[in-house]
Amino acid sequence: MYALVEIKGKQYKAVKGSVLKVDRYDAAVGGSLEFDTVLLVSDENETKVGAPYVAGAKVTATIGETVKDKKVIVFKKKRRKGYKKTQGHRQKYTLLTVEDIKL
């Protein structure tokens, strides 16, 4: 069984026991989150599609650690003007472990 769930404006495929890398949450490690913005639920027999969300469906997840992604280098240059600028950015993510999918 799997579900497509919307978390912070982005869509993720949630399977029981899987780990989702979502944008950072300011919450304690080991806490529990419940998402009711489920777009689709599918199992072996049937598929339920919401309009926009499936009524009564919920995904429960446990909050894991906060990690940083790889560094992204932003380099700007204007030729013949002597202008160069380098910036770096590392996005922070929270790891969520999917505990249960309920219909």
C-alpha atoms as a PDB file:
ATOM      1  CA  MET A   1       0.000   0.000   0.000  1.00  0.00           C
ATOM      2  CA  TYR A   2       1.250   3.479  -0.810  1.00  0.00           C
ATOM      3  CA  ALA A   3      -0.062   7.030  -0.720  1.00  0.00           C
ATOM      4  CA  LEU A   4       0.776  10.315  -2.396  1.00  0.00           C
ATOM      5  CA  VAL A   5       0.850  12.973   0.294  1.00  0.00           C
ATOM      6  CA  GLU A   6       1.327  16.732   0.095  1.00  0.00           C
ATOM      7  CA  ILE A   7       3.809  18.094   2.661  1.00  0.00           C
ATOM      8  CA  LYS A   8       4.683  21.807   2.686  1.00  0.00           C
ATOM      9  CA  GLY A   9       3.430  22.265  -0.884  1.00  0.00           C
ATOM     10  CA  LYS A  10       5.388  19.335  -2.368  1.00  0.00           C
ATOM     11  CA  GLN A  11       4.191  15.832  -3.198  1.00  0.00           C
ATOM     12  CA  TYR A  12       5.837  12.666  -1.854  1.00  0.00           C
ATOM     13  CA  LYS A  13       5.201   8.951  -2.297  1.00  0.00           C
ATOM     14  CA  ALA A  14       4.761   7.426   1.164  1.00  0.00           C
ATOM     15  CA  VAL A  15       5.185   3.694   1.713  1.00  0.00           C
ATOM     16  CA  LYS A  16       5.014   2.210   5.214  1.00  0.00           C
ATOM     17  CA  GLY A  17       8.555   2.119   6.640  1.00  0.00           C
ATOM     18  CA  SER A  18      10.063   4.455   4.024  1.00  0.00           C
ATOM     19  CA  VAL A  19      12.071   7.585   4.848  1.00  0.00           C
ATOM     20  CA  LEU A  20      11.038  10.912   3.272  1.00  0.00           C
ATOM     21  CA  LYS A  21      13.446  13.850   2.957  1.00  0.00           C
ATOM     22  CA  VAL A  22      11.205  16.930   3.352  1.00  0.00           C
ATOM     23  CA  ASP A  23      11.889  20.623   3.939  1.00  0.00           C
ATOM     24  CA  ARG A  24      12.979  21.401   7.505  1.00  0.00           C
ATOM     25  CA  TYR A  25      10.498  21.115  10.392  1.00  0.00           C
ATOM     26  CA  ASP A  26      11.067  22.932  13.681  1.00  0.00           C
ATOM     27  CA  ALA A  27      10.009  20.058  15.922  1.00  0.00           C
ATOM     28  CA  ALA A  28      11.610  17.680  18.395  1.00  0.00           C
ATOM     29  CA  VAL A  29      13.288  14.520  17.134  1.00  0.00           C
ATOM     30  CA  GLY A  30      11.116  11.479  17.837  1.00  0.00           C
ATOM     31  CA  GLY A  31       7.853  13.414  17.671  1.00  0.00           C
ATOM     32  CA  SER A  32       4.911  12.341  15.572  1.00  0.00           C
ATOM     33  CA  LEU A  33       3.217  14.119  12.665  1.00  0.00           C
ATOM     34  CA  GLU A  34      -0.096  13.335  11.005  1.00  0.00           C
ATOM     35  CA  PHE A  35      -0.868  14.458   7.449  1.00  0.00           C
ATOM     36  CA  ASP A  36      -4.431  14.506   6.129  1.00  0.00           C
ATOM     37  CA  THR A  37      -3.519  16.077   2.759  1.00  0.00           C
ATOM     38  CA  VAL A  38      -3.486  12.700   1.000  1.00  0.00           C
ATOM     39  CA  LEU A  39      -3.941  12.958  -2.771  1.00  0.00           C
ATOM     40  CA  LEU A  40      -4.053   9.243  -3.661  1.00  0.00           C
ATOM     41  CA  VAL A  41      -4.155   5.914  -1.837  1.00  0.00           C
ATOM     42  CA  SER A  42      -3.479   2.638  -3.620  1.00  0.00           C
ATOM     43  CA  ASP A  43      -3.260  -1.011  -2.587  1.00  0.00           C
ATOM     44  CA  GLU A  44      -3.342  -4.321  -4.458  1.00  0.00           C
ATOM     45  CA  ASN A  45      -7.083  -4.183  -5.178  1.00  0.00           C
ATOM     46  CA  GLU A  46      -8.114  -0.569  -5.640  1.00  0.00           C
ATOM     47  CA  THR A  47      -6.945   3.010  -6.035  1.00  0.00           C
ATOM     48  CA  LYS A  48      -8.699   6.002  -4.479  1.00  0.00           C
ATOM     49  CA  VAL A  49      -8.029   9.431  -5.958  1.00  0.00           C
ATOM     50  CA  GLY A  50      -9.057  12.552  -4.093  1.00  0.00           C
ATOM     51  CA  ALA A  51     -10.603  15.746  -5.390  1.00  0.00           C
ATOM     52  CA  PRO A  52      -8.300  17.320  -4.197  1.00  0.00           C
ATOM     53  CA  TYR A  53      -7.811  15.100  -1.090  1.00  0.00           C
ATOM     54  CA  VAL A  54      -9.012  11.610  -0.156  1.00  0.00           C
ATOM     55  CA  ALA A  55     -11.612  11.898   2.624  1.00  0.00           C
ATOM     56  CA  GLY A  56     -10.593  10.164   5.848  1.00  0.00           C
ATOM     57  CA  ALA A  57      -7.099   9.174   4.698  1.00  0.00           C
ATOM     58  CA  LYS A  58      -4.150   9.957   6.958  1.00  0.00           C
ATOM     59  CA  VAL A  59      -0.416   9.337   6.921  1.00  0.00           C
ATOM     60  CA  THR A  60       1.428   9.156  10.247  1.00  0.00           C
ATOM     61  CA  ALA A  61       5.172   9.832  10.369  1.00  0.00           C
ATOM     62  CA  THR A  62       7.916  10.060  12.999  1.00  0.00           C
ATOM     63  CA  ILE A  63      10.355  12.969  12.937  1.00  0.00           C
ATOM     64  CA  GLY A  64      13.990  12.031  12.470  1.00  0.00           C
ATOM     65  CA  GLU A  65      17.139  14.098  12.364  1.00  0.00           C
ATOM     66  CA  THR A  66      17.728  17.312  10.431  1.00  0.00           C
ATOM     67  CA  VAL A  67      20.361  17.016   7.709  1.00  0.00           C
ATOM     68  CA  LYS A  68      22.000  19.350   5.197  1.00  0.00           C
ATOM     69  CA  ASP A  69      22.075  18.684   1.462  1.00  0.00           C
ATOM     70  CA  LYS A  70      25.136  19.073  -0.753  1.00  0.00           C
ATOM     71  CA  LYS A  71      26.436  22.594  -1.275  1.00  0.00           C
ATOM     72  CA  VAL A  72      25.137  24.418  -4.338  1.00  0.00           C
ATOM     73  CA  ILE A  73      27.573  26.964  -5.810  1.00  0.00           C
ATOM     74  CA  VAL A  74      26.081  30.099  -7.372  1.00  0.00           C
ATOM     75  CA  PHE A  75      28.594  31.910  -9.594  1.00  0.00           C
ATOM     76  CA  LYS A  76      27.808  35.165 -11.387  1.00  0.00           C
ATOM     77  CA  LYS A  77      30.046  36.905 -13.890  1.00  0.00           C
ATOM     78  CA  LYS A  78      29.735  39.759 -16.361  1.00  0.00           C
ATOM     79  CA  ARG A  79      32.342  39.588 -19.067  1.00  0.00           C
ATOM     80  CA  ARG A  80      34.727  42.492 -19.615  1.00  0.00           C
ATOM     81  CA  LYS A  81      33.399  44.323 -16.534  1.00  0.00           C
ATOM     82  CA  GLY A  82      35.523  42.759 -13.789  1.00  0.00           C
ATOM     83  CA  TYR A  83      32.437  41.510 -11.959  1.00  0.00           C
ATOM     84  CA  LYS A  84      32.568  38.088 -10.298  1.00  0.00           C
ATOM     85  CA  LYS A  85      30.491  36.884  -7.368  1.00  0.00           C
ATOM     86  CA  THR A  86      30.437  33.448  -5.737  1.00  0.00           C
ATOM     87  CA  GLN A  87      27.818  32.300  -3.232  1.00  0.00           C
ATOM     88  CA  GLY A  88      27.071  28.939  -1.665  1.00  0.00           C
ATOM     89  CA  HIS A  89      23.906  27.433  -0.202  1.00  0.00           C
ATOM     90  CA  ARG A  90      23.087  24.256   1.731  1.00  0.00           C
ATOM     91  CA  GLN A  91      19.406  23.381   2.082  1.00  0.00           C
ATOM     92  CA  LYS A  92      18.269  21.851   5.386  1.00  0.00           C
ATOM     93  CA  TYR A  93      15.965  18.827   5.366  1.00  0.00           C
ATOM     94  CA  THR A  94      14.157  16.757   7.977  1.00  0.00           C
ATOM     95  CA  LEU A  95      13.960  12.980   7.638  1.00  0.00           C
ATOM     96  CA  LEU A  96      10.469  11.571   8.251  1.00  0.00           C
ATOM     97  CA  THR A  97       9.836   7.843   8.725  1.00  0.00           C
ATOM     98  CA  VAL A  98       6.376   6.771   7.554  1.00  0.00           C
ATOM     99  CA  GLU A  99       4.727   4.736  10.319  1.00  0.00           C
ATOM    100  CA  ASP A 100       1.195   4.096   9.031  1.00  0.00           C
ATOM    101  CA  ILE A 101      -1.225   4.831   6.192  1.00  0.00           C
ATOM    102  CA  LYS A 102      -4.913   4.849   7.181  1.00  0.00           C
ATOM    103  CA  LEU A 103      -7.987   5.006   4.988  1.00  0.00           C
END
